[in-house]
């Protein structure tokens, strides 16, 4: 089974510097609660460092949020890249197995948590240019990984050439994030199941071969 636990327990992989401990604790708390519900003092208490240490590394809560976005985004990008590179099967099958693996994770651990970056994008009303740019960079990074895999499938003749790889990847990943949000609202897997069903029939369909 796909080990999706790294996405929610990713904080175990960093070195234990004070800055890294703060980022890990903040990411864990914001996944469990929300950006606005997590206070700086809560993080300081968890990590057991003085307030001065926090402001030595981060000039504001917003700067702290950006650091968390970048760290979480990098960990997820590594997970996507490794899965698409190492999974057995064709490019289209690898993408499908990636999403099925995440579905398996939620089936076991519950539907209460989704993507931290998407969560922050929704929660932070009118984000600054810096935070908005950070959110966009991570979404673009993940989408590019799927676009590369789709492009490979198109070259092999497996995936339809009707649309370019970037457009398909953008629509695919945007739909996925929407399915995660709806999953959290519904508290069931139906939105993910519908996403998987329709995505591989319509968004990245198999190439139709003409028989003479």
N, C-alpha and C. Protein backbone atom coordinates (compact mmCIF):
# COMPACT_ATOMS: atom_id res chain seq x y z
N UNK A 1 0.85 -1.20 0.00
CA UNK A 1 0.00 0.00 0.00
C UNK A 1 0.88 1.25 0.00
N UNK A 2 0.44 2.28 -0.67
CA UNK A 2 1.17 3.54 -0.75
C UNK A 2 1.31 4.15 0.64
N UNK A 3 2.53 4.47 1.05
CA UNK A 3 2.77 5.04 2.36
C UNK A 3 2.53 6.54 2.32
N UNK A 4 1.27 6.93 2.43
CA UNK A 4 0.92 8.33 2.38
C UNK A 4 1.15 9.02 3.71
N UNK A 5 1.54 8.27 4.73
CA UNK A 5 1.71 8.85 6.05
C UNK A 5 2.77 9.95 6.06
N UNK A 6 3.72 9.89 5.10
CA UNK A 6 4.74 10.93 5.08
C UNK A 6 4.14 12.30 4.85
N UNK A 7 3.00 12.34 4.20
CA UNK A 7 2.39 13.63 3.93
C UNK A 7 1.88 14.29 5.20
N UNK A 8 1.39 13.52 6.15
CA UNK A 8 0.86 14.08 7.39
C UNK A 8 1.83 13.92 8.56
N UNK A 9 2.86 13.13 8.40
CA UNK A 9 3.85 12.96 9.45
C UNK A 9 5.22 13.34 8.92
N UNK A 10 5.20 14.22 7.92
CA UNK A 10 6.42 14.63 7.23
C UNK A 10 7.42 15.32 8.13
N UNK A 11 6.97 15.87 9.26
CA UNK A 11 7.83 16.62 10.16
C UNK A 11 8.93 15.76 10.77
N UNK A 12 8.84 14.44 10.63
CA UNK A 12 9.87 13.57 11.19
C UNK A 12 11.18 13.60 10.39
N UNK A 13 11.12 14.10 9.17
CA UNK A 13 12.27 13.97 8.28
C UNK A 13 13.28 15.12 8.38
N UNK A 14 12.97 16.16 9.11
CA UNK A 14 13.87 17.30 9.17
C UNK A 14 14.87 17.18 10.32
N UNK A 15 15.98 17.92 10.21
CA UNK A 15 16.96 17.98 11.29
C UNK A 15 16.36 18.80 12.42
N UNK A 16 16.90 18.59 13.60
CA UNK A 16 16.28 19.18 14.78
C UNK A 16 16.89 20.52 15.18
N UNK A 17 17.03 21.46 14.24
CA UNK A 17 17.41 22.81 14.62
C UNK A 17 16.17 23.50 15.17
N UNK A 18 16.38 24.60 15.88
CA UNK A 18 15.24 25.30 16.47
C UNK A 18 14.26 25.77 15.39
N UNK A 19 14.78 26.33 14.31
CA UNK A 19 13.91 26.80 13.24
C UNK A 19 13.10 25.65 12.66
N UNK A 20 13.75 24.53 12.44
CA UNK A 20 13.07 23.38 11.86
C UNK A 20 12.03 22.82 12.81
N UNK A 21 12.34 22.82 14.11
CA UNK A 21 11.36 22.35 15.10
C UNK A 21 10.12 23.23 15.08
N UNK A 22 10.31 24.54 14.94
CA UNK A 22 9.19 25.45 14.89
C UNK A 22 8.32 25.18 13.66
N UNK A 23 8.96 24.98 12.51
CA UNK A 23 8.23 24.72 11.27
C UNK A 23 7.45 23.41 11.38
N UNK A 24 8.09 22.38 11.89
CA UNK A 24 7.42 21.08 12.04
C UNK A 24 6.20 21.20 12.95
N UNK A 25 6.39 21.85 14.10
CA UNK A 25 5.29 21.98 15.06
C UNK A 25 4.16 22.81 14.47
N UNK A 26 4.51 23.88 13.75
CA UNK A 26 3.49 24.72 13.13
C UNK A 26 2.72 23.98 12.06
N UNK A 27 3.42 23.22 11.24
CA UNK A 27 2.76 22.46 10.17
C UNK A 27 1.81 21.42 10.77
N UNK A 28 2.28 20.72 11.78
CA UNK A 28 1.45 19.70 12.41
C UNK A 28 0.19 20.31 13.02
N UNK A 29 0.36 21.45 13.69
CA UNK A 29 -0.78 22.10 14.34
C UNK A 29 -1.78 22.64 13.31
N UNK A 30 -1.27 23.21 12.21
CA UNK A 30 -2.17 23.79 11.20
C UNK A 30 -2.90 22.72 10.40
N UNK A 31 -2.28 21.56 10.21
CA UNK A 31 -3.00 20.45 9.58
C UNK A 31 -4.16 20.02 10.47
N UNK A 32 -3.90 19.94 11.78
CA UNK A 32 -4.92 19.47 12.71
C UNK A 32 -5.99 20.52 12.97
N UNK A 33 -5.62 21.80 12.94
CA UNK A 33 -6.57 22.86 13.29
C UNK A 33 -6.76 23.80 12.11
N UNK A 34 -6.15 24.97 12.17
CA UNK A 34 -6.21 25.91 11.06
C UNK A 34 -5.15 26.98 11.28
N UNK A 35 -4.90 27.76 10.25
CA UNK A 35 -3.91 28.84 10.33
C UNK A 35 -4.29 29.83 11.42
N UNK A 36 -5.53 30.27 11.42
CA UNK A 36 -5.96 31.29 12.38
C UNK A 36 -6.13 30.73 13.78
N UNK A 37 -6.41 29.44 13.89
CA UNK A 37 -6.65 28.84 15.21
C UNK A 37 -5.35 28.53 15.95
N UNK A 38 -4.24 28.54 15.23
CA UNK A 38 -2.95 28.22 15.85
C UNK A 38 -2.24 29.51 16.24
N UNK A 39 -1.95 29.65 17.53
CA UNK A 39 -1.25 30.83 18.02
C UNK A 39 0.25 30.59 18.14
N UNK A 40 1.00 31.66 18.11
CA UNK A 40 2.46 31.56 18.23
C UNK A 40 2.84 30.94 19.58
N UNK A 41 2.14 31.34 20.63
CA UNK A 41 2.48 30.82 21.96
C UNK A 41 2.28 29.32 22.03
N UNK A 42 1.26 28.82 21.36
CA UNK A 42 1.03 27.38 21.31
C UNK A 42 2.23 26.65 20.71
N UNK A 43 2.77 27.20 19.64
CA UNK A 43 3.93 26.60 18.98
C UNK A 43 5.15 26.66 19.89
N UNK A 44 5.34 27.81 20.54
CA UNK A 44 6.48 27.97 21.44
C UNK A 44 6.42 26.98 22.59
N UNK A 45 5.24 26.77 23.12
CA UNK A 45 5.06 25.83 24.22
C UNK A 45 5.36 24.41 23.76
N UNK A 46 4.89 24.06 22.57
CA UNK A 46 5.11 22.72 22.04
C UNK A 46 6.59 22.43 21.86
N UNK A 47 7.31 23.42 21.33
CA UNK A 47 8.73 23.24 21.01
C UNK A 47 9.61 23.55 22.22
N UNK A 48 9.03 24.29 23.20
CA UNK A 48 9.74 24.68 24.41
C UNK A 48 10.92 25.60 24.09
N UNK A 49 10.59 26.69 23.40
CA UNK A 49 11.60 27.72 23.11
C UNK A 49 11.00 29.08 23.48
N UNK A 50 11.82 30.07 23.81
CA UNK A 50 11.32 31.40 24.17
C UNK A 50 10.82 32.15 22.93
N UNK A 51 9.98 33.15 23.19
CA UNK A 51 9.40 33.92 22.08
C UNK A 51 10.48 34.59 21.24
N UNK A 52 11.57 34.98 21.87
CA UNK A 52 12.64 35.63 21.13
C UNK A 52 13.22 34.74 20.04
N UNK A 53 13.23 33.44 20.27
CA UNK A 53 13.74 32.51 19.27
C UNK A 53 12.86 32.50 18.04
N UNK A 54 11.55 32.59 18.25
CA UNK A 54 10.62 32.61 17.11
C UNK A 54 10.89 33.81 16.23
N UNK A 55 10.97 34.99 16.84
CA UNK A 55 11.13 36.21 16.05
C UNK A 55 12.56 36.39 15.54
N UNK A 56 13.46 35.58 16.01
CA UNK A 56 14.80 35.55 15.42
C UNK A 56 14.74 34.94 14.02
N UNK A 57 13.86 33.97 13.83
CA UNK A 57 13.76 33.27 12.55
C UNK A 57 12.64 33.80 11.66
N UNK A 58 11.55 34.27 12.28
CA UNK A 58 10.38 34.70 11.51
C UNK A 58 9.93 36.07 12.00
N UNK A 59 9.83 37.01 11.08
CA UNK A 59 9.48 38.36 11.49
C UNK A 59 8.00 38.51 11.82
N UNK A 60 7.19 37.55 11.40
CA UNK A 60 5.74 37.62 11.65
C UNK A 60 5.13 36.23 11.51
N UNK A 61 3.87 36.12 11.89
CA UNK A 61 3.16 34.85 11.69
C UNK A 61 3.02 34.55 10.21
N UNK A 62 2.87 35.58 9.40
CA UNK A 62 2.76 35.37 7.96
C UNK A 62 4.06 34.77 7.40
N UNK A 63 5.20 35.27 7.84
CA UNK A 63 6.48 34.72 7.39
C UNK A 63 6.61 33.27 7.84
N UNK A 64 6.11 32.97 9.02
CA UNK A 64 6.10 31.60 9.53
C UNK A 64 5.21 30.73 8.64
N UNK A 65 4.05 31.25 8.27
CA UNK A 65 3.14 30.51 7.39
C UNK A 65 3.77 30.22 6.04
N UNK A 66 4.50 31.18 5.50
CA UNK A 66 5.16 30.98 4.21
C UNK A 66 6.22 29.88 4.31
N UNK A 67 6.97 29.87 5.41
CA UNK A 67 7.98 28.83 5.62
C UNK A 67 7.33 27.45 5.69
N UNK A 68 6.19 27.37 6.34
CA UNK A 68 5.46 26.10 6.44
C UNK A 68 4.96 25.67 5.06
N UNK A 69 4.42 26.60 4.30
CA UNK A 69 3.94 26.30 2.94
C UNK A 69 5.08 25.74 2.10
N UNK A 70 6.23 26.38 2.16
CA UNK A 70 7.37 25.96 1.34
C UNK A 70 7.89 24.59 1.78
N UNK A 71 7.93 24.35 3.06
CA UNK A 71 8.41 23.06 3.54
C UNK A 71 7.44 21.94 3.18
N UNK A 72 6.18 22.15 3.47
CA UNK A 72 5.15 21.15 3.16
C UNK A 72 5.13 20.88 1.65
N UNK A 73 5.20 21.96 0.88
CA UNK A 73 5.19 21.81 -0.58
C UNK A 73 6.35 21.00 -1.10
N UNK A 74 7.52 21.22 -0.53
CA UNK A 74 8.70 20.47 -0.96
C UNK A 74 8.59 19.00 -0.60
N UNK A 75 8.08 18.71 0.58
CA UNK A 75 7.91 17.32 0.99
C UNK A 75 6.91 16.59 0.10
N UNK A 76 5.81 17.27 -0.23
CA UNK A 76 4.81 16.65 -1.09
C UNK A 76 5.35 16.46 -2.50
N UNK A 77 6.11 17.44 -2.99
CA UNK A 77 6.70 17.33 -4.33
C UNK A 77 7.63 16.12 -4.40
N UNK A 78 8.42 15.91 -3.36
CA UNK A 78 9.31 14.75 -3.32
C UNK A 78 8.50 13.45 -3.33
N UNK A 79 7.40 13.43 -2.59
CA UNK A 79 6.57 12.24 -2.52
C UNK A 79 5.95 11.94 -3.89
N UNK A 80 5.44 12.97 -4.56
CA UNK A 80 4.84 12.78 -5.88
C UNK A 80 5.89 12.28 -6.87
N UNK A 81 7.06 12.94 -6.88
CA UNK A 81 8.11 12.58 -7.83
C UNK A 81 8.58 11.15 -7.62
N UNK A 82 8.77 10.75 -6.37
CA UNK A 82 9.22 9.38 -6.07
C UNK A 82 8.17 8.36 -6.49
N UNK A 83 6.91 8.68 -6.22
CA UNK A 83 5.85 7.73 -6.55
C UNK A 83 5.71 7.56 -8.06
N UNK A 84 5.74 8.64 -8.78
CA UNK A 84 5.58 8.57 -10.24
C UNK A 84 6.80 7.93 -10.90
N UNK A 85 7.97 8.07 -10.27
CA UNK A 85 9.18 7.50 -10.84
C UNK A 85 9.31 6.02 -10.53
N UNK A 86 8.89 5.60 -9.35
CA UNK A 86 9.18 4.24 -8.88
C UNK A 86 8.03 3.26 -9.01
N UNK A 87 6.82 3.77 -9.17
CA UNK A 87 5.67 2.88 -9.27
C UNK A 87 5.73 2.08 -10.58
N UNK A 88 5.35 0.82 -10.51
CA UNK A 88 5.33 -0.01 -11.72
C UNK A 88 4.12 0.37 -12.57
N UNK A 89 4.26 0.21 -13.89
CA UNK A 89 3.16 0.48 -14.79
C UNK A 89 3.45 1.60 -15.76
N UNK A 90 2.49 1.89 -16.61
CA UNK A 90 2.60 2.95 -17.60
C UNK A 90 2.43 4.30 -16.91
N UNK A 91 2.74 5.42 -17.59
CA UNK A 91 2.55 6.74 -16.96
C UNK A 91 1.13 6.97 -16.45
N UNK A 92 0.15 6.60 -17.24
CA UNK A 92 -1.24 6.79 -16.83
C UNK A 92 -1.57 5.92 -15.62
N UNK A 93 -1.07 4.70 -15.60
CA UNK A 93 -1.30 3.81 -14.47
C UNK A 93 -0.61 4.32 -13.21
N UNK A 94 0.56 4.92 -13.36
CA UNK A 94 1.28 5.46 -12.21
C UNK A 94 0.49 6.60 -11.56
N UNK A 95 -0.07 7.47 -12.39
CA UNK A 95 -0.87 8.57 -11.86
C UNK A 95 -2.09 8.03 -11.13
N UNK A 96 -2.74 7.05 -11.73
CA UNK A 96 -3.93 6.47 -11.12
C UNK A 96 -3.59 5.80 -9.79
N UNK A 97 -2.48 5.09 -9.74
CA UNK A 97 -2.06 4.42 -8.50
C UNK A 97 -1.72 5.43 -7.41
N UNK A 98 -1.17 6.58 -7.83
CA UNK A 98 -0.86 7.62 -6.84
C UNK A 98 -2.13 8.06 -6.11
N UNK A 99 -3.18 8.38 -6.86
CA UNK A 99 -4.42 8.84 -6.24
C UNK A 99 -5.13 7.71 -5.49
N UNK A 100 -5.06 6.49 -6.01
CA UNK A 100 -5.66 5.36 -5.30
C UNK A 100 -4.95 5.12 -3.97
N UNK A 101 -3.65 5.34 -3.95
CA UNK A 101 -2.89 5.18 -2.71
C UNK A 101 -3.33 6.18 -1.65
N UNK A 102 -3.57 7.41 -2.07
CA UNK A 102 -4.05 8.41 -1.11
C UNK A 102 -5.45 8.06 -0.63
N UNK A 103 -6.26 7.55 -1.54
CA UNK A 103 -7.60 7.11 -1.14
C UNK A 103 -7.51 6.03 -0.07
N UNK A 104 -6.59 5.10 -0.24
CA UNK A 104 -6.40 4.04 0.75
C UNK A 104 -6.03 4.63 2.11
N UNK A 105 -5.19 5.66 2.08
CA UNK A 105 -4.79 6.31 3.32
C UNK A 105 -5.99 6.88 4.06
N UNK A 106 -6.82 7.62 3.34
CA UNK A 106 -7.99 8.23 3.98
C UNK A 106 -9.00 7.18 4.42
N UNK A 107 -9.08 6.08 3.70
CA UNK A 107 -9.99 5.00 4.09
C UNK A 107 -9.61 4.44 5.46
N UNK A 108 -8.32 4.44 5.75
CA UNK A 108 -7.83 3.91 7.02
C UNK A 108 -7.85 4.96 8.13
N UNK A 109 -7.41 6.18 7.79
CA UNK A 109 -7.19 7.20 8.82
C UNK A 109 -8.30 8.24 8.93
N UNK A 110 -9.31 8.16 8.10
CA UNK A 110 -10.41 9.10 8.20
C UNK A 110 -10.29 10.26 7.22
N UNK A 111 -11.40 10.97 7.05
CA UNK A 111 -11.51 11.99 6.01
C UNK A 111 -11.43 13.42 6.55
N UNK A 112 -10.93 13.58 7.74
CA UNK A 112 -10.96 14.90 8.37
C UNK A 112 -9.86 15.85 7.96
N UNK A 113 -8.82 15.35 7.28
CA UNK A 113 -7.70 16.21 6.93
C UNK A 113 -7.40 16.14 5.45
N UNK A 114 -7.09 17.29 4.87
CA UNK A 114 -6.74 17.31 3.46
C UNK A 114 -5.37 17.91 3.24
N UNK A 115 -5.23 18.65 2.17
CA UNK A 115 -3.95 19.27 1.81
C UNK A 115 -3.75 20.56 2.60
N UNK A 116 -2.64 20.69 3.29
CA UNK A 116 -2.38 21.87 4.12
C UNK A 116 -2.31 23.14 3.27
N UNK A 117 -1.66 23.08 2.12
CA UNK A 117 -1.52 24.28 1.29
C UNK A 117 -2.88 24.75 0.79
N UNK A 118 -3.72 23.81 0.34
CA UNK A 118 -5.06 24.18 -0.10
C UNK A 118 -5.87 24.74 1.07
N UNK A 119 -5.67 24.15 2.23
CA UNK A 119 -6.37 24.61 3.43
C UNK A 119 -6.00 26.05 3.75
N UNK A 120 -4.72 26.37 3.68
CA UNK A 120 -4.27 27.73 3.94
C UNK A 120 -4.78 28.70 2.87
N UNK A 121 -4.79 28.24 1.63
CA UNK A 121 -5.27 29.10 0.54
C UNK A 121 -6.71 29.53 0.76
N UNK A 122 -7.51 28.64 1.35
CA UNK A 122 -8.92 28.94 1.61
C UNK A 122 -9.07 29.79 2.87
N UNK A 123 -8.29 29.46 3.90
CA UNK A 123 -8.47 30.10 5.21
C UNK A 123 -7.94 31.53 5.26
N UNK A 124 -6.85 31.79 4.56
CA UNK A 124 -6.21 33.10 4.66
C UNK A 124 -6.90 34.06 3.69
N UNK A 125 -7.76 34.89 4.22
CA UNK A 125 -8.50 35.83 3.39
C UNK A 125 -7.57 36.94 2.91
N UNK A 126 -7.61 37.22 1.62
CA UNK A 126 -6.76 38.25 1.01
C UNK A 126 -5.29 38.10 1.42
N UNK A 127 -4.67 36.98 1.06
CA UNK A 127 -3.27 36.80 1.44
C UNK A 127 -2.38 37.84 0.79
N UNK A 128 -1.27 38.15 1.44
CA UNK A 128 -0.32 39.10 0.88
C UNK A 128 0.26 38.56 -0.41
N UNK A 129 0.94 39.42 -1.14
CA UNK A 129 1.58 38.98 -2.38
C UNK A 129 2.59 37.87 -2.10
N UNK A 130 3.32 37.99 -1.00
CA UNK A 130 4.34 36.99 -0.66
C UNK A 130 3.71 35.63 -0.37
N UNK A 131 2.64 35.61 0.41
CA UNK A 131 1.99 34.34 0.72
C UNK A 131 1.27 33.78 -0.50
N UNK A 132 0.64 34.65 -1.26
CA UNK A 132 -0.02 34.21 -2.48
C UNK A 132 0.96 33.59 -3.46
N UNK A 133 2.13 34.21 -3.60
CA UNK A 133 3.16 33.67 -4.49
C UNK A 133 3.66 32.32 -4.00
N UNK A 134 3.80 32.18 -2.68
CA UNK A 134 4.27 30.91 -2.11
C UNK A 134 3.26 29.81 -2.38
N UNK A 135 1.99 30.09 -2.20
CA UNK A 135 0.94 29.10 -2.47
C UNK A 135 0.95 28.70 -3.94
N UNK A 136 1.04 29.68 -4.83
CA UNK A 136 1.03 29.40 -6.27
C UNK A 136 2.24 28.56 -6.67
N UNK A 137 3.41 28.87 -6.11
CA UNK A 137 4.63 28.11 -6.46
C UNK A 137 4.47 26.64 -6.15
N UNK A 138 3.88 26.33 -5.00
CA UNK A 138 3.75 24.93 -4.63
C UNK A 138 2.74 24.21 -5.51
N UNK A 139 1.60 24.85 -5.78
CA UNK A 139 0.63 24.24 -6.68
C UNK A 139 1.25 24.01 -8.06
N UNK A 140 2.00 24.99 -8.55
CA UNK A 140 2.63 24.87 -9.87
C UNK A 140 3.66 23.74 -9.88
N UNK A 141 4.38 23.60 -8.78
CA UNK A 141 5.40 22.56 -8.68
C UNK A 141 4.77 21.17 -8.76
N UNK A 142 3.69 20.97 -8.03
CA UNK A 142 3.02 19.66 -8.05
C UNK A 142 2.41 19.38 -9.42
N UNK A 143 1.77 20.40 -9.98
CA UNK A 143 1.13 20.22 -11.29
C UNK A 143 2.14 19.87 -12.36
N UNK A 144 3.32 20.49 -12.29
CA UNK A 144 4.36 20.22 -13.29
C UNK A 144 4.81 18.77 -13.26
N UNK A 145 4.81 18.16 -12.10
CA UNK A 145 5.21 16.75 -11.99
C UNK A 145 4.21 15.85 -12.70
N UNK A 146 2.93 16.14 -12.55
CA UNK A 146 1.92 15.35 -13.25
C UNK A 146 1.94 15.63 -14.75
N UNK A 147 2.22 16.88 -15.12
CA UNK A 147 2.30 17.22 -16.55
C UNK A 147 3.42 16.44 -17.22
N UNK A 148 4.54 16.30 -16.54
CA UNK A 148 5.66 15.56 -17.10
C UNK A 148 5.30 14.10 -17.33
N UNK A 149 4.57 13.51 -16.39
CA UNK A 149 4.16 12.11 -16.51
C UNK A 149 3.12 11.95 -17.62
N UNK A 150 2.19 12.89 -17.71
CA UNK A 150 1.19 12.85 -18.78
C UNK A 150 1.86 12.98 -20.14
N UNK A 151 2.82 13.87 -20.23
CA UNK A 151 3.55 14.08 -21.49
C UNK A 151 4.25 12.79 -21.93
N UNK A 152 4.81 12.09 -20.96
CA UNK A 152 5.46 10.82 -21.27
C UNK A 152 4.45 9.82 -21.81
N UNK A 153 3.25 9.79 -21.19
CA UNK A 153 2.21 8.90 -21.66
C UNK A 153 1.74 9.26 -23.06
N UNK A 154 1.71 10.54 -23.38
CA UNK A 154 1.33 10.97 -24.73
C UNK A 154 2.37 10.53 -25.76
N UNK A 155 3.62 10.63 -25.40
CA UNK A 155 4.68 10.22 -26.31
C UNK A 155 4.63 8.72 -26.59
N UNK A 156 4.19 7.97 -25.59
CA UNK A 156 4.08 6.51 -25.73
C UNK A 156 2.81 6.11 -26.48
N UNK A 157 1.93 7.06 -26.71
CA UNK A 157 0.68 6.75 -27.37
C UNK A 157 -0.39 6.22 -26.44
N UNK A 158 -0.19 6.37 -25.14
CA UNK A 158 -1.14 5.85 -24.16
C UNK A 158 -2.22 6.86 -23.81
N UNK A 159 -1.84 8.14 -23.70
CA UNK A 159 -2.77 9.19 -23.28
C UNK A 159 -3.12 10.06 -24.48
N UNK A 160 -4.37 10.47 -24.53
CA UNK A 160 -4.88 11.26 -25.65
C UNK A 160 -4.06 12.53 -25.88
N UNK A 161 -3.93 12.88 -27.13
CA UNK A 161 -3.22 14.10 -27.54
C UNK A 161 -4.19 15.25 -27.78
N UNK A 162 -5.45 15.07 -27.43
CA UNK A 162 -6.45 16.09 -27.70
C UNK A 162 -6.13 17.40 -26.99
N UNK A 163 -5.56 17.31 -25.78
CA UNK A 163 -5.17 18.49 -25.02
C UNK A 163 -3.70 18.38 -24.64
N UNK A 164 -3.06 19.53 -24.41
CA UNK A 164 -1.66 19.48 -24.02
C UNK A 164 -1.53 19.01 -22.57
N UNK A 165 -0.35 18.47 -22.26
CA UNK A 165 -0.12 17.86 -20.94
C UNK A 165 -0.31 18.86 -19.80
N UNK A 166 0.12 20.09 -20.00
CA UNK A 166 0.01 21.09 -18.94
C UNK A 166 -1.45 21.38 -18.60
N UNK A 167 -2.29 21.50 -19.63
CA UNK A 167 -3.72 21.77 -19.39
C UNK A 167 -4.38 20.61 -18.66
N UNK A 168 -4.06 19.39 -19.07
CA UNK A 168 -4.64 18.22 -18.41
C UNK A 168 -4.19 18.11 -16.97
N UNK A 169 -2.90 18.37 -16.72
CA UNK A 169 -2.37 18.29 -15.36
C UNK A 169 -2.99 19.37 -14.47
N UNK A 170 -3.14 20.57 -15.00
CA UNK A 170 -3.74 21.67 -14.24
C UNK A 170 -5.17 21.33 -13.83
N UNK A 171 -5.95 20.83 -14.79
CA UNK A 171 -7.34 20.49 -14.49
C UNK A 171 -7.41 19.30 -13.55
N UNK A 172 -6.53 18.33 -13.75
CA UNK A 172 -6.51 17.14 -12.90
C UNK A 172 -6.23 17.52 -11.46
N UNK A 173 -5.17 18.31 -11.22
CA UNK A 173 -4.79 18.59 -9.84
C UNK A 173 -5.75 19.57 -9.17
N UNK A 174 -6.29 20.51 -9.95
CA UNK A 174 -7.30 21.41 -9.39
C UNK A 174 -8.53 20.62 -8.98
N UNK A 175 -8.93 19.66 -9.80
CA UNK A 175 -10.08 18.81 -9.47
C UNK A 175 -9.80 17.98 -8.22
N UNK A 176 -8.57 17.51 -8.11
CA UNK A 176 -8.18 16.71 -6.95
C UNK A 176 -8.30 17.52 -5.66
N UNK A 177 -7.78 18.74 -5.67
CA UNK A 177 -7.87 19.57 -4.47
C UNK A 177 -9.33 19.85 -4.11
N UNK A 178 -10.16 20.05 -5.12
CA UNK A 178 -11.58 20.24 -4.87
C UNK A 178 -12.21 19.01 -4.26
N UNK A 179 -11.81 17.83 -4.74
CA UNK A 179 -12.34 16.58 -4.20
C UNK A 179 -11.93 16.41 -2.73
N UNK A 180 -10.72 16.82 -2.39
CA UNK A 180 -10.26 16.73 -1.00
C UNK A 180 -11.08 17.63 -0.08
N UNK A 181 -11.36 18.83 -0.57
CA UNK A 181 -12.17 19.76 0.23
C UNK A 181 -13.57 19.18 0.45
N UNK A 182 -14.17 18.68 -0.62
CA UNK A 182 -15.52 18.09 -0.51
C UNK A 182 -15.50 16.85 0.39
N UNK A 183 -14.42 16.07 0.34
CA UNK A 183 -14.28 14.91 1.20
C UNK A 183 -14.33 15.33 2.67
N UNK A 184 -13.62 16.41 3.00
CA UNK A 184 -13.61 16.89 4.37
C UNK A 184 -15.00 17.37 4.81
N UNK A 185 -15.70 18.01 3.90
CA UNK A 185 -17.05 18.49 4.21
C UNK A 185 -18.01 17.32 4.41
N UNK A 186 -17.94 16.35 3.48
CA UNK A 186 -18.85 15.20 3.53
C UNK A 186 -18.47 14.19 4.60
N UNK A 187 -17.18 14.16 4.93
CA UNK A 187 -16.64 13.15 5.84
C UNK A 187 -16.81 11.74 5.27
N UNK A 188 -16.67 11.63 3.95
CA UNK A 188 -16.68 10.31 3.32
C UNK A 188 -15.83 10.35 2.05
N UNK A 189 -15.63 9.19 1.45
CA UNK A 189 -14.72 9.06 0.32
C UNK A 189 -15.40 9.25 -1.04
N UNK A 190 -16.69 9.50 -1.05
CA UNK A 190 -17.41 9.60 -2.31
C UNK A 190 -16.81 10.62 -3.27
N UNK A 191 -16.41 11.82 -2.81
CA UNK A 191 -15.82 12.78 -3.75
C UNK A 191 -14.52 12.28 -4.38
N UNK A 192 -13.70 11.58 -3.61
CA UNK A 192 -12.46 11.04 -4.16
C UNK A 192 -12.76 9.92 -5.16
N UNK A 193 -13.72 9.08 -4.83
CA UNK A 193 -14.09 8.00 -5.75
C UNK A 193 -14.60 8.55 -7.07
N UNK A 194 -15.40 9.61 -7.01
CA UNK A 194 -15.91 10.22 -8.24
C UNK A 194 -14.78 10.87 -9.03
N UNK A 195 -13.86 11.51 -8.30
CA UNK A 195 -12.71 12.12 -8.97
C UNK A 195 -11.92 11.07 -9.75
N UNK A 196 -11.60 9.96 -9.09
CA UNK A 196 -10.81 8.91 -9.74
C UNK A 196 -11.57 8.32 -10.92
N UNK A 197 -12.85 8.07 -10.73
CA UNK A 197 -13.65 7.49 -11.81
C UNK A 197 -13.68 8.38 -13.05
N UNK A 198 -13.99 9.64 -12.85
CA UNK A 198 -14.16 10.54 -14.00
C UNK A 198 -12.83 11.05 -14.56
N UNK A 199 -11.83 11.19 -13.71
CA UNK A 199 -10.55 11.71 -14.18
C UNK A 199 -9.92 10.84 -15.25
N UNK A 200 -9.98 9.55 -15.04
CA UNK A 200 -9.28 8.66 -15.96
C UNK A 200 -10.15 8.23 -17.14
N UNK A 201 -11.40 8.65 -17.12
CA UNK A 201 -12.26 8.45 -18.29
C UNK A 201 -12.27 9.70 -19.17
N UNK A 202 -12.15 10.89 -18.51
CA UNK A 202 -12.38 12.13 -19.25
C UNK A 202 -11.21 13.10 -19.24
N UNK A 203 -10.53 13.26 -18.10
CA UNK A 203 -9.46 14.26 -18.03
C UNK A 203 -8.19 13.75 -18.69
N UNK A 204 -7.79 12.52 -18.37
CA UNK A 204 -6.63 11.92 -19.04
C UNK A 204 -7.03 10.56 -19.62
N UNK A 205 -7.89 10.59 -20.63
CA UNK A 205 -8.37 9.33 -21.22
C UNK A 205 -7.27 8.63 -22.02
N UNK A 206 -7.44 7.36 -22.22
CA UNK A 206 -6.53 6.62 -23.06
C UNK A 206 -6.65 7.10 -24.52
N UNK A 207 -5.55 7.03 -25.21
CA UNK A 207 -5.56 7.37 -26.63
C UNK A 207 -6.39 6.36 -27.39
N UNK A 208 -7.29 6.83 -28.22
CA UNK A 208 -8.11 5.95 -29.03
C UNK A 208 -7.37 5.60 -30.32
N UNK A 209 -7.21 4.33 -30.54
CA UNK A 209 -6.50 3.88 -31.73
C UNK A 209 -7.49 3.53 -32.83
N UNK A 210 -7.24 4.09 -33.98
CA UNK A 210 -8.13 3.86 -35.12
C UNK A 210 -7.78 2.52 -35.76
N UNK A 211 -8.80 1.66 -35.91
CA UNK A 211 -8.60 0.36 -36.52
C UNK A 211 -9.02 0.42 -37.98
N UNK A 212 -8.11 0.13 -38.90
CA UNK A 212 -8.43 0.20 -40.34
C UNK A 212 -9.17 -1.07 -40.77
